[in-house]
């Protein structure tokens, strides 16, 4: 639990610093100085201060301000609002799961989290290996769909699961948690060939 709180707090403080300083590269931020250490006092107070900092950044950063993100097409506070919402939501589930009572993520938020993962997060790393295999992803409670086309170092998405060689389906919260490796894919309804999706997720660098 301490490691989880430190990780989320580090993410909040690091992204807040990037936005505040309008950093053009993450190396401009001294992340080591931002991380928690016992000399910084109570862990929960440290976390709370960092949470207030990122919330202030998300409220006050001008929409046209630019700074580094790992997704070049969107380097602004809109990207950061979305990223922090999903970072925090998934780790909230982690926290509750550690105590044996994890609550689902709200469907619309979860569906947007699936979209961010498939259209922004995974493509940004360029680690996929494939030859154009297709996988469909369906959120049964929100109606959202995605078609993944997995290439060699590329991941393309379309807003429809039609024509996929394999498909996974389930409530948006379960989809998001399964794709982030929190619950097994077997919890979802599955049809067809899913090995390309399993390979893609195995190669991802998830926290």
N, C-alpha and C. Protein backbone atom coordinates (compact mmCIF):
# COMPACT_ATOMS: atom_id res chain seq x y z
N UNK A 1 0.82 -1.20 0.00
CA UNK A 1 0.00 0.00 0.00
C UNK A 1 0.87 1.26 0.00
N UNK A 2 1.95 1.21 0.77
CA UNK A 2 2.87 2.37 0.76
C UNK A 2 3.43 2.60 -0.63
N UNK A 3 3.81 1.52 -1.30
CA UNK A 3 4.36 1.67 -2.65
C UNK A 3 3.33 2.26 -3.60
N UNK A 4 2.07 1.85 -3.46
CA UNK A 4 1.00 2.38 -4.31
C UNK A 4 0.81 3.87 -4.07
N UNK A 5 0.73 4.28 -2.81
CA UNK A 5 0.54 5.70 -2.49
C UNK A 5 1.72 6.52 -2.99
N UNK A 6 2.92 6.00 -2.80
CA UNK A 6 4.10 6.72 -3.27
C UNK A 6 4.07 6.86 -4.80
N UNK A 7 3.67 5.80 -5.49
CA UNK A 7 3.63 5.83 -6.95
C UNK A 7 2.63 6.87 -7.46
N UNK A 8 1.40 6.84 -6.92
CA UNK A 8 0.39 7.79 -7.38
C UNK A 8 0.79 9.21 -7.01
N UNK A 9 1.31 9.39 -5.82
CA UNK A 9 1.78 10.72 -5.42
C UNK A 9 2.89 11.23 -6.31
N UNK A 10 3.79 10.33 -6.69
CA UNK A 10 4.88 10.71 -7.61
C UNK A 10 4.32 11.13 -8.96
N UNK A 11 3.33 10.39 -9.47
CA UNK A 11 2.72 10.76 -10.75
C UNK A 11 2.07 12.14 -10.66
N UNK A 12 1.31 12.38 -9.61
CA UNK A 12 0.66 13.68 -9.45
C UNK A 12 1.68 14.81 -9.42
N UNK A 13 2.70 14.67 -8.60
CA UNK A 13 3.69 15.73 -8.45
C UNK A 13 4.52 15.93 -9.71
N UNK A 14 4.88 14.83 -10.37
CA UNK A 14 5.71 14.94 -11.57
C UNK A 14 4.96 15.64 -12.70
N UNK A 15 3.71 15.22 -12.94
CA UNK A 15 2.94 15.87 -14.00
C UNK A 15 2.62 17.31 -13.65
N UNK A 16 2.37 17.59 -12.39
CA UNK A 16 2.13 18.98 -11.98
C UNK A 16 3.35 19.84 -12.29
N UNK A 17 4.54 19.31 -12.01
CA UNK A 17 5.77 20.06 -12.28
C UNK A 17 5.97 20.27 -13.77
N UNK A 18 5.70 19.25 -14.58
CA UNK A 18 5.83 19.40 -16.03
C UNK A 18 4.94 20.53 -16.54
N UNK A 19 3.69 20.54 -16.07
CA UNK A 19 2.75 21.57 -16.53
C UNK A 19 3.11 22.95 -15.97
N UNK A 20 3.44 23.04 -14.70
CA UNK A 20 3.79 24.32 -14.09
C UNK A 20 4.98 24.96 -14.79
N UNK A 21 6.00 24.14 -15.07
CA UNK A 21 7.23 24.65 -15.65
C UNK A 21 7.18 24.72 -17.17
N UNK A 22 6.05 24.26 -17.77
CA UNK A 22 5.93 24.22 -19.23
C UNK A 22 7.13 23.49 -19.83
N UNK A 23 7.49 22.38 -19.19
CA UNK A 23 8.68 21.63 -19.61
C UNK A 23 8.51 21.08 -21.01
N UNK A 24 9.53 21.18 -21.81
CA UNK A 24 9.50 20.63 -23.17
C UNK A 24 10.07 19.23 -23.23
N UNK A 25 10.62 18.76 -22.10
CA UNK A 25 11.19 17.42 -22.03
C UNK A 25 11.14 16.97 -20.56
N UNK A 26 10.83 15.70 -20.30
CA UNK A 26 10.73 15.26 -18.90
C UNK A 26 12.04 15.36 -18.14
N UNK A 27 13.17 15.39 -18.85
CA UNK A 27 14.46 15.50 -18.17
C UNK A 27 14.63 16.84 -17.47
N UNK A 28 13.78 17.81 -17.80
CA UNK A 28 13.85 19.11 -17.13
C UNK A 28 13.29 19.06 -15.72
N UNK A 29 12.61 17.97 -15.38
CA UNK A 29 12.00 17.82 -14.06
C UNK A 29 12.88 16.92 -13.19
N UNK A 30 13.17 17.37 -11.99
CA UNK A 30 13.95 16.57 -11.05
C UNK A 30 13.00 15.65 -10.30
N UNK A 31 12.70 14.50 -10.89
CA UNK A 31 11.73 13.60 -10.28
C UNK A 31 12.23 13.03 -8.96
N UNK A 32 13.53 12.85 -8.84
CA UNK A 32 14.08 12.31 -7.59
C UNK A 32 13.74 13.22 -6.42
N UNK A 33 13.78 14.53 -6.65
CA UNK A 33 13.49 15.49 -5.58
C UNK A 33 12.01 15.50 -5.23
N UNK A 34 11.16 15.09 -6.17
CA UNK A 34 9.73 15.10 -5.94
C UNK A 34 9.24 13.85 -5.20
N UNK A 35 9.99 12.77 -5.28
CA UNK A 35 9.55 11.51 -4.69
C UNK A 35 9.52 11.57 -3.16
N UNK A 36 8.72 10.70 -2.61
CA UNK A 36 8.59 10.68 -1.15
C UNK A 36 9.84 10.09 -0.50
N UNK A 37 10.18 10.64 0.65
CA UNK A 37 11.21 10.08 1.52
C UNK A 37 10.80 10.39 2.95
N UNK A 38 11.22 9.58 3.91
CA UNK A 38 10.77 9.77 5.29
C UNK A 38 11.02 11.17 5.83
N UNK A 39 12.05 11.85 5.34
CA UNK A 39 12.33 13.20 5.84
C UNK A 39 11.27 14.21 5.42
N UNK A 40 10.35 13.79 4.52
CA UNK A 40 9.28 14.70 4.07
C UNK A 40 8.04 14.59 4.94
N UNK A 41 8.12 13.81 6.00
CA UNK A 41 7.02 13.74 6.95
C UNK A 41 6.05 12.61 6.67
N UNK A 42 4.82 12.77 7.15
CA UNK A 42 3.80 11.74 7.03
C UNK A 42 3.47 11.47 5.57
N UNK A 43 3.40 10.18 5.21
CA UNK A 43 3.16 9.81 3.81
C UNK A 43 1.82 10.31 3.31
N UNK A 44 0.77 10.16 4.11
CA UNK A 44 -0.55 10.57 3.66
C UNK A 44 -0.66 12.09 3.52
N UNK A 45 0.01 12.83 4.39
CA UNK A 45 0.02 14.29 4.24
C UNK A 45 0.77 14.69 2.98
N UNK A 46 1.88 14.02 2.72
CA UNK A 46 2.65 14.26 1.48
C UNK A 46 1.78 13.97 0.26
N UNK A 47 1.05 12.85 0.30
CA UNK A 47 0.17 12.52 -0.81
C UNK A 47 -0.92 13.58 -0.98
N UNK A 48 -1.54 13.98 0.13
CA UNK A 48 -2.61 14.96 0.06
C UNK A 48 -2.14 16.29 -0.51
N UNK A 49 -0.94 16.71 -0.13
CA UNK A 49 -0.41 17.96 -0.68
C UNK A 49 -0.19 17.85 -2.19
N UNK A 50 0.30 16.69 -2.63
CA UNK A 50 0.50 16.50 -4.07
C UNK A 50 -0.80 16.44 -4.83
N UNK A 51 -1.82 15.85 -4.21
CA UNK A 51 -3.13 15.80 -4.84
C UNK A 51 -3.68 17.21 -5.03
N UNK A 52 -3.58 18.05 -4.01
CA UNK A 52 -4.04 19.43 -4.14
C UNK A 52 -3.28 20.17 -5.24
N UNK A 53 -2.00 19.86 -5.35
CA UNK A 53 -1.17 20.51 -6.37
C UNK A 53 -1.64 20.15 -7.78
N UNK A 54 -1.86 18.87 -8.04
CA UNK A 54 -2.27 18.48 -9.39
C UNK A 54 -3.68 18.99 -9.68
N UNK A 55 -4.57 19.00 -8.69
CA UNK A 55 -5.91 19.53 -8.90
C UNK A 55 -5.85 21.01 -9.25
N UNK A 56 -4.98 21.75 -8.59
CA UNK A 56 -4.83 23.18 -8.91
C UNK A 56 -4.30 23.36 -10.32
N UNK A 57 -3.35 22.53 -10.70
CA UNK A 57 -2.81 22.60 -12.07
C UNK A 57 -3.89 22.33 -13.09
N UNK A 58 -4.72 21.31 -12.85
CA UNK A 58 -5.76 20.95 -13.80
C UNK A 58 -6.83 22.04 -13.90
N UNK A 59 -7.05 22.78 -12.81
CA UNK A 59 -8.05 23.84 -12.83
C UNK A 59 -7.53 25.13 -13.47
N UNK A 60 -6.26 25.44 -13.28
CA UNK A 60 -5.77 26.78 -13.59
C UNK A 60 -4.87 26.88 -14.82
N UNK A 61 -4.35 25.77 -15.31
CA UNK A 61 -3.46 25.84 -16.47
C UNK A 61 -4.25 26.30 -17.70
N UNK A 62 -3.79 27.33 -18.41
CA UNK A 62 -4.50 27.80 -19.60
C UNK A 62 -4.63 26.69 -20.64
N UNK A 63 -5.74 26.69 -21.34
CA UNK A 63 -6.00 25.65 -22.34
C UNK A 63 -4.97 25.66 -23.45
N UNK A 64 -4.40 26.83 -23.75
CA UNK A 64 -3.45 26.92 -24.86
C UNK A 64 -2.00 26.78 -24.42
N UNK A 65 -1.77 26.53 -23.13
CA UNK A 65 -0.40 26.31 -22.66
C UNK A 65 0.10 24.96 -23.16
N UNK A 66 1.34 24.90 -23.60
CA UNK A 66 1.90 23.65 -24.12
C UNK A 66 3.05 23.18 -23.23
N UNK A 67 3.17 21.87 -23.12
CA UNK A 67 4.24 21.26 -22.35
C UNK A 67 4.38 19.82 -22.82
N UNK A 68 5.43 19.14 -22.38
CA UNK A 68 5.69 17.77 -22.83
C UNK A 68 4.61 16.82 -22.34
N UNK A 69 4.21 15.92 -23.24
CA UNK A 69 3.46 14.72 -22.89
C UNK A 69 4.03 13.60 -23.75
N UNK A 70 3.67 12.36 -23.45
CA UNK A 70 4.19 11.27 -24.27
C UNK A 70 3.36 11.07 -25.54
N UNK A 71 2.38 11.94 -25.77
CA UNK A 71 1.54 11.86 -26.97
C UNK A 71 1.65 13.18 -27.72
N UNK A 72 2.57 13.28 -28.70
CA UNK A 72 2.83 14.55 -29.38
C UNK A 72 1.60 15.26 -29.96
N UNK A 73 0.57 14.54 -30.46
CA UNK A 73 -0.58 15.28 -30.99
C UNK A 73 -1.34 16.11 -29.96
N UNK A 74 -1.12 15.85 -28.68
CA UNK A 74 -1.85 16.58 -27.65
C UNK A 74 -0.91 16.88 -26.48
N UNK A 75 -0.41 18.09 -26.44
CA UNK A 75 0.52 18.47 -25.39
C UNK A 75 -0.06 19.67 -24.64
N UNK A 76 -1.12 19.40 -23.90
CA UNK A 76 -1.80 20.47 -23.18
C UNK A 76 -2.53 19.91 -21.96
N UNK A 77 -3.26 20.79 -21.30
CA UNK A 77 -3.91 20.39 -20.05
C UNK A 77 -5.07 19.43 -20.29
N UNK A 78 -5.66 19.45 -21.48
CA UNK A 78 -6.73 18.48 -21.77
C UNK A 78 -6.19 17.06 -21.71
N UNK A 79 -4.99 16.85 -22.27
CA UNK A 79 -4.34 15.54 -22.17
C UNK A 79 -4.14 15.18 -20.71
N UNK A 80 -3.67 16.14 -19.93
CA UNK A 80 -3.32 15.86 -18.54
C UNK A 80 -4.55 15.56 -17.70
N UNK A 81 -5.65 16.26 -17.94
CA UNK A 81 -6.88 15.96 -17.20
C UNK A 81 -7.30 14.51 -17.44
N UNK A 82 -7.25 14.11 -18.68
CA UNK A 82 -7.66 12.74 -19.02
C UNK A 82 -6.71 11.72 -18.41
N UNK A 83 -5.41 11.95 -18.55
CA UNK A 83 -4.42 10.99 -18.04
C UNK A 83 -4.51 10.84 -16.53
N UNK A 84 -4.64 11.95 -15.82
CA UNK A 84 -4.70 11.88 -14.37
C UNK A 84 -6.00 11.24 -13.88
N UNK A 85 -7.10 11.47 -14.59
CA UNK A 85 -8.36 10.83 -14.21
C UNK A 85 -8.23 9.31 -14.27
N UNK A 86 -7.62 8.80 -15.34
CA UNK A 86 -7.54 7.35 -15.49
C UNK A 86 -6.42 6.75 -14.64
N UNK A 87 -5.32 7.47 -14.50
CA UNK A 87 -4.25 7.01 -13.59
C UNK A 87 -4.81 6.81 -12.18
N UNK A 88 -5.55 7.80 -11.73
CA UNK A 88 -6.06 7.77 -10.37
C UNK A 88 -7.19 6.76 -10.21
N UNK A 89 -8.05 6.64 -11.22
CA UNK A 89 -9.18 5.70 -11.13
C UNK A 89 -8.71 4.26 -11.03
N UNK A 90 -7.75 3.87 -11.87
CA UNK A 90 -7.27 2.50 -11.84
C UNK A 90 -6.54 2.20 -10.53
N UNK A 91 -5.77 3.17 -10.04
CA UNK A 91 -5.06 2.92 -8.78
C UNK A 91 -6.01 3.00 -7.58
N UNK A 92 -7.12 3.71 -7.71
CA UNK A 92 -8.14 3.64 -6.67
C UNK A 92 -8.66 2.21 -6.56
N UNK A 93 -8.88 1.58 -7.72
CA UNK A 93 -9.31 0.18 -7.73
C UNK A 93 -8.23 -0.69 -7.09
N UNK A 94 -6.97 -0.44 -7.40
CA UNK A 94 -5.87 -1.20 -6.78
C UNK A 94 -5.93 -1.11 -5.26
N UNK A 95 -6.16 0.10 -4.78
CA UNK A 95 -6.20 0.31 -3.33
C UNK A 95 -7.32 -0.49 -2.69
N UNK A 96 -8.50 -0.44 -3.30
CA UNK A 96 -9.63 -1.20 -2.75
C UNK A 96 -9.42 -2.70 -2.90
N UNK A 97 -8.79 -3.12 -4.00
CA UNK A 97 -8.54 -4.55 -4.19
C UNK A 97 -7.60 -5.09 -3.13
N UNK A 98 -6.68 -4.27 -2.66
CA UNK A 98 -5.75 -4.70 -1.62
C UNK A 98 -6.49 -5.03 -0.33
N UNK A 99 -7.67 -4.44 -0.15
CA UNK A 99 -8.47 -4.69 1.04
C UNK A 99 -9.64 -5.63 0.75
N UNK A 100 -9.68 -6.17 -0.48
CA UNK A 100 -10.66 -7.19 -0.80
C UNK A 100 -12.03 -6.69 -1.20
N UNK A 101 -12.18 -5.38 -1.47
CA UNK A 101 -13.50 -4.86 -1.82
C UNK A 101 -13.39 -3.82 -2.94
N UNK A 102 -12.90 -4.22 -4.12
CA UNK A 102 -12.75 -3.24 -5.21
C UNK A 102 -14.10 -2.90 -5.84
N UNK A 103 -14.34 -1.62 -6.08
CA UNK A 103 -15.59 -1.16 -6.69
C UNK A 103 -15.35 -0.86 -8.16
N UNK A 104 -16.32 -1.15 -9.03
CA UNK A 104 -16.14 -0.87 -10.46
C UNK A 104 -15.90 0.61 -10.73
N UNK A 105 -15.24 0.86 -11.82
CA UNK A 105 -15.06 2.23 -12.28
C UNK A 105 -16.31 2.65 -13.04
N UNK A 106 -16.74 3.88 -12.86
CA UNK A 106 -17.97 4.39 -13.49
C UNK A 106 -17.91 4.13 -15.00
N UNK A 107 -19.00 3.63 -15.60
CA UNK A 107 -18.95 3.16 -16.99
C UNK A 107 -18.43 4.16 -18.01
N UNK A 108 -18.91 5.41 -17.98
CA UNK A 108 -18.46 6.36 -18.99
C UNK A 108 -16.98 6.69 -18.80
N UNK A 109 -16.55 6.83 -17.55
CA UNK A 109 -15.13 7.08 -17.28
C UNK A 109 -14.31 5.89 -17.75
N UNK A 110 -14.78 4.68 -17.44
CA UNK A 110 -14.05 3.48 -17.84
C UNK A 110 -13.96 3.36 -19.35
N UNK A 111 -15.05 3.65 -20.05
CA UNK A 111 -15.03 3.56 -21.52
C UNK A 111 -14.03 4.54 -22.10
N UNK A 112 -13.97 5.75 -21.54
CA UNK A 112 -12.97 6.71 -22.01
C UNK A 112 -11.57 6.24 -21.67
N UNK A 113 -11.43 5.53 -20.53
CA UNK A 113 -10.14 4.97 -20.18
C UNK A 113 -9.69 3.90 -21.15
N UNK A 114 -10.62 3.08 -21.62
CA UNK A 114 -10.29 2.09 -22.65
C UNK A 114 -9.84 2.80 -23.92
N UNK A 115 -10.57 3.85 -24.29
CA UNK A 115 -10.21 4.59 -25.50
C UNK A 115 -8.83 5.21 -25.37
N UNK A 116 -8.54 5.81 -24.21
CA UNK A 116 -7.21 6.40 -24.01
C UNK A 116 -6.12 5.35 -24.10
N UNK A 117 -6.38 4.20 -23.48
CA UNK A 117 -5.38 3.13 -23.50
C UNK A 117 -5.10 2.65 -24.92
N UNK A 118 -6.17 2.47 -25.71
CA UNK A 118 -6.02 1.88 -27.04
C UNK A 118 -5.60 2.89 -28.10
N UNK A 119 -5.95 4.15 -27.94
CA UNK A 119 -5.67 5.13 -28.99
C UNK A 119 -4.51 6.06 -28.66
N UNK A 120 -4.12 6.12 -27.39
CA UNK A 120 -3.04 7.03 -26.98
C UNK A 120 -1.91 6.28 -26.28
N UNK A 121 -2.24 5.60 -25.19
CA UNK A 121 -1.19 5.03 -24.34
C UNK A 121 -0.39 3.94 -25.06
N UNK A 122 -1.06 2.91 -25.54
CA UNK A 122 -0.35 1.82 -26.20
C UNK A 122 0.35 2.26 -27.50
N UNK A 123 -0.32 3.02 -28.38
CA UNK A 123 0.38 3.44 -29.60
C UNK A 123 1.61 4.31 -29.33
N UNK A 124 1.61 5.04 -28.21
CA UNK A 124 2.74 5.94 -27.94
C UNK A 124 4.04 5.19 -27.68
N UNK A 125 3.94 3.92 -27.22
CA UNK A 125 5.15 3.18 -26.89
C UNK A 125 5.74 2.45 -28.09
N UNK A 126 4.93 2.16 -29.10
CA UNK A 126 5.45 1.52 -30.31
C UNK A 126 6.09 0.17 -30.07
N UNK A 127 5.55 -0.63 -29.13
CA UNK A 127 6.16 -1.91 -28.79
C UNK A 127 5.41 -3.10 -29.35
N UNK A 128 4.38 -2.86 -30.14
CA UNK A 128 3.58 -3.98 -30.63
C UNK A 128 4.34 -4.78 -31.68
N UNK A 129 4.03 -6.07 -31.73
CA UNK A 129 4.58 -6.94 -32.77
C UNK A 129 3.41 -7.67 -33.43
N UNK A 130 3.29 -7.49 -34.72
CA UNK A 130 2.19 -8.14 -35.41
C UNK A 130 2.33 -7.96 -36.91
N UNK A 131 1.37 -8.50 -37.62
CA UNK A 131 1.38 -8.40 -39.08
C UNK A 131 0.00 -7.99 -39.59
N UNK A 132 -0.59 -7.04 -38.87
CA UNK A 132 -1.90 -6.56 -39.27
C UNK A 132 -3.06 -7.33 -38.69
N UNK A 133 -2.83 -8.16 -37.66
CA UNK A 133 -3.93 -8.89 -37.03
C UNK A 133 -4.94 -7.90 -36.44
N UNK A 134 -6.19 -8.33 -36.39
CA UNK A 134 -7.25 -7.46 -35.88
C UNK A 134 -7.92 -8.09 -34.66
N UNK A 135 -8.22 -7.23 -33.70
CA UNK A 135 -8.93 -7.64 -32.49
C UNK A 135 -10.00 -6.61 -32.21
N UNK A 136 -11.20 -7.07 -31.88
CA UNK A 136 -12.28 -6.17 -31.51
C UNK A 136 -12.45 -6.09 -30.00
N UNK A 137 -12.83 -4.92 -29.53
CA UNK A 137 -13.10 -4.68 -28.11
C UNK A 137 -14.46 -4.01 -28.02
N UNK A 138 -15.36 -4.58 -27.20
CA UNK A 138 -16.71 -4.04 -27.07
C UNK A 138 -17.06 -3.80 -25.60
N UNK A 139 -17.59 -2.61 -25.31
CA UNK A 139 -18.12 -2.31 -23.98
C UNK A 139 -19.62 -2.55 -24.02
N UNK A 140 -20.07 -3.56 -23.32
CA UNK A 140 -21.47 -3.97 -23.42
C UNK A 140 -22.43 -3.02 -22.74
N UNK A 141 -21.95 -2.22 -21.79
CA UNK A 141 -22.86 -1.32 -21.08
C UNK A 141 -22.91 0.08 -21.67
N UNK A 142 -21.89 0.49 -22.41
CA UNK A 142 -21.89 1.84 -22.99
C UNK A 142 -22.07 1.84 -24.51
N UNK A 143 -21.87 0.67 -25.13
CA UNK A 143 -21.99 0.58 -26.57
C UNK A 143 -20.75 0.98 -27.35
N UNK A 144 -19.68 1.33 -26.67
CA UNK A 144 -18.44 1.71 -27.36
C UNK A 144 -17.75 0.49 -27.94
N UNK A 145 -17.12 0.67 -29.09
CA UNK A 145 -16.40 -0.41 -29.77
C UNK A 145 -15.08 0.12 -30.33
N UNK A 146 -14.11 -0.79 -30.43
CA UNK A 146 -12.82 -0.47 -31.03
C UNK A 146 -12.34 -1.67 -31.86
N UNK A 147 -11.74 -1.39 -32.98
CA UNK A 147 -11.05 -2.41 -33.77
C UNK A 147 -9.57 -2.10 -33.73
N UNK A 148 -8.78 -3.03 -33.23
CA UNK A 148 -7.32 -2.86 -33.16
C UNK A 148 -6.68 -3.57 -34.34
N UNK A 149 -5.79 -2.85 -35.01
CA UNK A 149 -4.99 -3.46 -36.08
C UNK A 149 -3.54 -3.41 -35.63
N UNK A 150 -3.01 -4.58 -35.31
CA UNK A 150 -1.70 -4.66 -34.66
C UNK A 150 -0.62 -4.95 -35.70
N UNK A 151 0.27 -3.97 -35.88
CA UNK A 151 1.37 -4.13 -36.82
C UNK A 151 2.70 -4.23 -36.12
N UNK A 152 3.77 -4.15 -36.87
CA UNK A 152 5.11 -4.23 -36.31
C UNK A 152 5.51 -2.84 -35.79
N UNK A 153 5.29 -2.64 -34.48
CA UNK A 153 5.58 -1.35 -33.88
C UNK A 153 4.48 -0.33 -34.05
N UNK A 154 3.35 -0.74 -34.58
CA UNK A 154 2.23 0.18 -34.77
C UNK A 154 0.94 -0.42 -34.23
N UNK A 155 0.06 0.45 -33.80
CA UNK A 155 -1.26 0.04 -33.35
C UNK A 155 -2.26 1.06 -33.86
N UNK A 156 -3.12 0.62 -34.77
CA UNK A 156 -4.14 1.50 -35.32
C UNK A 156 -5.50 1.08 -34.77
N UNK A 157 -6.37 2.05 -34.55
CA UNK A 157 -7.69 1.76 -34.01
C UNK A 157 -8.77 2.39 -34.87
N UNK A 158 -9.92 1.73 -34.90
CA UNK A 158 -11.11 2.23 -35.58
C UNK A 158 -12.28 2.11 -34.61
N UNK A 159 -13.30 2.97 -34.73
CA UNK A 159 -14.43 2.95 -33.79
C UNK A 159 -15.49 1.92 -34.13
N UNK A 160 -15.06 0.70 -34.39
CA UNK A 160 -15.99 -0.39 -34.67
C UNK A 160 -15.25 -1.69 -34.50
N UNK A 161 -15.95 -2.71 -33.98
CA UNK A 161 -15.32 -4.02 -33.80
C UNK A 161 -15.66 -4.97 -34.94
N UNK A 162 -16.35 -4.49 -35.96
CA UNK A 162 -16.78 -5.35 -37.05
C UNK A 162 -15.58 -5.89 -37.83
N UNK A 163 -15.65 -7.16 -38.18
CA UNK A 163 -14.62 -7.77 -39.01
C UNK A 163 -13.38 -8.22 -38.28
N UNK A 164 -13.39 -8.18 -36.95
CA UNK A 164 -12.21 -8.59 -36.19
C UNK A 164 -12.05 -10.10 -36.20
N UNK A 165 -10.80 -10.56 -36.15
CA UNK A 165 -10.53 -12.00 -36.09
C UNK A 165 -10.86 -12.57 -34.71
N UNK A 166 -10.81 -11.72 -33.70
CA UNK A 166 -11.17 -12.12 -32.35
C UNK A 166 -11.75 -10.92 -31.63
N UNK A 167 -12.60 -11.16 -30.64
CA UNK A 167 -13.28 -10.06 -29.95
C UNK A 167 -13.37 -10.36 -28.46
N UNK A 168 -13.16 -9.32 -27.65
CA UNK A 168 -13.43 -9.41 -26.22
C UNK A 168 -14.52 -8.40 -25.90
N UNK A 169 -15.41 -8.76 -24.99
CA UNK A 169 -16.53 -7.90 -24.66
C UNK A 169 -16.86 -8.01 -23.18
N UNK A 170 -17.35 -6.92 -22.62
CA UNK A 170 -17.75 -6.90 -21.23
C UNK A 170 -18.07 -5.49 -20.80
N UNK A 171 -18.52 -5.30 -19.57
CA UNK A 171 -18.74 -3.95 -19.05
C UNK A 171 -17.46 -3.12 -19.16
N UNK A 172 -17.61 -1.83 -19.36
CA UNK A 172 -16.45 -0.97 -19.60
C UNK A 172 -15.43 -1.06 -18.47
N UNK A 173 -15.90 -1.13 -17.22
CA UNK A 173 -14.97 -1.22 -16.10
C UNK A 173 -14.14 -2.50 -16.19
N UNK A 174 -14.78 -3.63 -16.49
CA UNK A 174 -14.04 -4.88 -16.61
C UNK A 174 -13.07 -4.85 -17.78
N UNK A 175 -13.48 -4.23 -18.88
CA UNK A 175 -12.58 -4.11 -20.03
C UNK A 175 -11.33 -3.32 -19.64
N UNK A 176 -11.54 -2.18 -19.01
CA UNK A 176 -10.41 -1.34 -18.64
C UNK A 176 -9.47 -2.07 -17.69
N UNK A 177 -10.03 -2.73 -16.70
CA UNK A 177 -9.21 -3.43 -15.71
C UNK A 177 -8.49 -4.63 -16.32
N UNK A 178 -9.14 -5.33 -17.24
CA UNK A 178 -8.48 -6.46 -17.89
C UNK A 178 -7.36 -6.00 -18.80
N UNK A 179 -7.59 -4.93 -19.55
CA UNK A 179 -6.56 -4.44 -20.46
C UNK A 179 -5.36 -3.88 -19.71
N UNK A 180 -5.61 -3.34 -18.51
CA UNK A 180 -4.51 -2.86 -17.68
C UNK A 180 -3.90 -3.98 -16.83
N UNK A 181 -4.35 -5.21 -17.01
CA UNK A 181 -3.75 -6.33 -16.32
C UNK A 181 -4.20 -6.51 -14.89
N UNK A 182 -5.32 -5.87 -14.50
CA UNK A 182 -5.79 -5.99 -13.13
C UNK A 182 -6.64 -7.24 -12.93
N UNK A 183 -7.37 -7.64 -13.92
CA UNK A 183 -8.17 -8.86 -13.83
C UNK A 183 -7.87 -9.68 -15.09
N UNK A 184 -8.06 -10.99 -15.07
CA UNK A 184 -7.74 -11.82 -16.24
C UNK A 184 -8.70 -11.58 -17.39
N UNK A 185 -8.19 -11.69 -18.59
CA UNK A 185 -9.03 -11.57 -19.78
C UNK A 185 -10.16 -12.59 -19.76
N UNK A 186 -9.95 -13.69 -19.06
CA UNK A 186 -10.97 -14.74 -18.99
C UNK A 186 -12.26 -14.26 -18.32
N UNK A 187 -12.21 -13.14 -17.61
CA UNK A 187 -13.42 -12.58 -17.01
C UNK A 187 -14.33 -11.97 -18.08
N UNK A 188 -13.81 -11.76 -19.28
CA UNK A 188 -14.56 -11.14 -20.36
C UNK A 188 -15.12 -12.20 -21.29
N UNK A 189 -16.15 -11.86 -22.04
CA UNK A 189 -16.64 -12.74 -23.09
C UNK A 189 -15.65 -12.66 -24.26
N UNK A 190 -15.33 -13.80 -24.83
CA UNK A 190 -14.31 -13.83 -25.88
C UNK A 190 -14.75 -14.72 -27.03
N UNK A 191 -14.40 -14.27 -28.23
CA UNK A 191 -14.65 -15.05 -29.43
C UNK A 191 -13.44 -14.94 -30.35
N UNK A 192 -13.10 -16.03 -31.02
CA UNK A 192 -12.07 -15.99 -32.05
C UNK A 192 -10.66 -15.94 -31.50
N UNK A 193 -9.75 -15.45 -32.31
CA UNK A 193 -8.31 -15.46 -32.03
C UNK A 193 -7.90 -14.23 -31.22
N UNK A 194 -7.42 -14.47 -30.00
CA UNK A 194 -7.03 -13.36 -29.14
C UNK A 194 -5.54 -13.32 -28.83
N UNK A 195 -4.76 -14.22 -29.42
CA UNK A 195 -3.33 -14.23 -29.12
C UNK A 195 -2.63 -12.90 -29.47
N UNK A 196 -3.03 -12.20 -30.55
CA UNK A 196 -2.39 -10.91 -30.80
C UNK A 196 -2.63 -9.90 -29.67
N UNK A 197 -3.82 -9.91 -29.09
CA UNK A 197 -4.11 -9.00 -27.98
C UNK A 197 -3.30 -9.40 -26.76
N UNK A 198 -3.23 -10.69 -26.48
CA UNK A 198 -2.45 -11.14 -25.32
C UNK A 198 -0.99 -10.75 -25.49
N UNK A 199 -0.46 -10.91 -26.69
CA UNK A 199 0.94 -10.54 -26.94
C UNK A 199 1.14 -9.03 -26.76
N UNK A 200 0.20 -8.25 -27.27
CA UNK A 200 0.29 -6.80 -27.14
C UNK A 200 0.32 -6.38 -25.67
N UNK A 201 -0.55 -6.93 -24.87
CA UNK A 201 -0.62 -6.56 -23.46
C UNK A 201 0.60 -7.06 -22.69
N UNK A 202 1.11 -8.24 -23.08
CA UNK A 202 2.29 -8.78 -22.40
C UNK A 202 3.52 -7.90 -22.64
N UNK A 203 3.57 -7.26 -23.78
CA UNK A 203 4.72 -6.42 -24.12
C UNK A 203 4.63 -5.01 -23.57
N UNK A 204 3.44 -4.64 -23.09
CA UNK A 204 3.24 -3.29 -22.57
C UNK A 204 3.94 -3.15 -21.22
N UNK A 205 4.32 -1.92 -20.90
CA UNK A 205 5.00 -1.62 -19.64
C UNK A 205 4.00 -0.93 -18.73
N UNK A 206 3.25 -1.71 -17.97
CA UNK A 206 2.18 -1.18 -17.15
C UNK A 206 2.58 -1.09 -15.69
N UNK A 207 2.09 -0.02 -15.00
CA UNK A 207 2.21 0.11 -13.55
C UNK A 207 0.83 0.00 -12.94
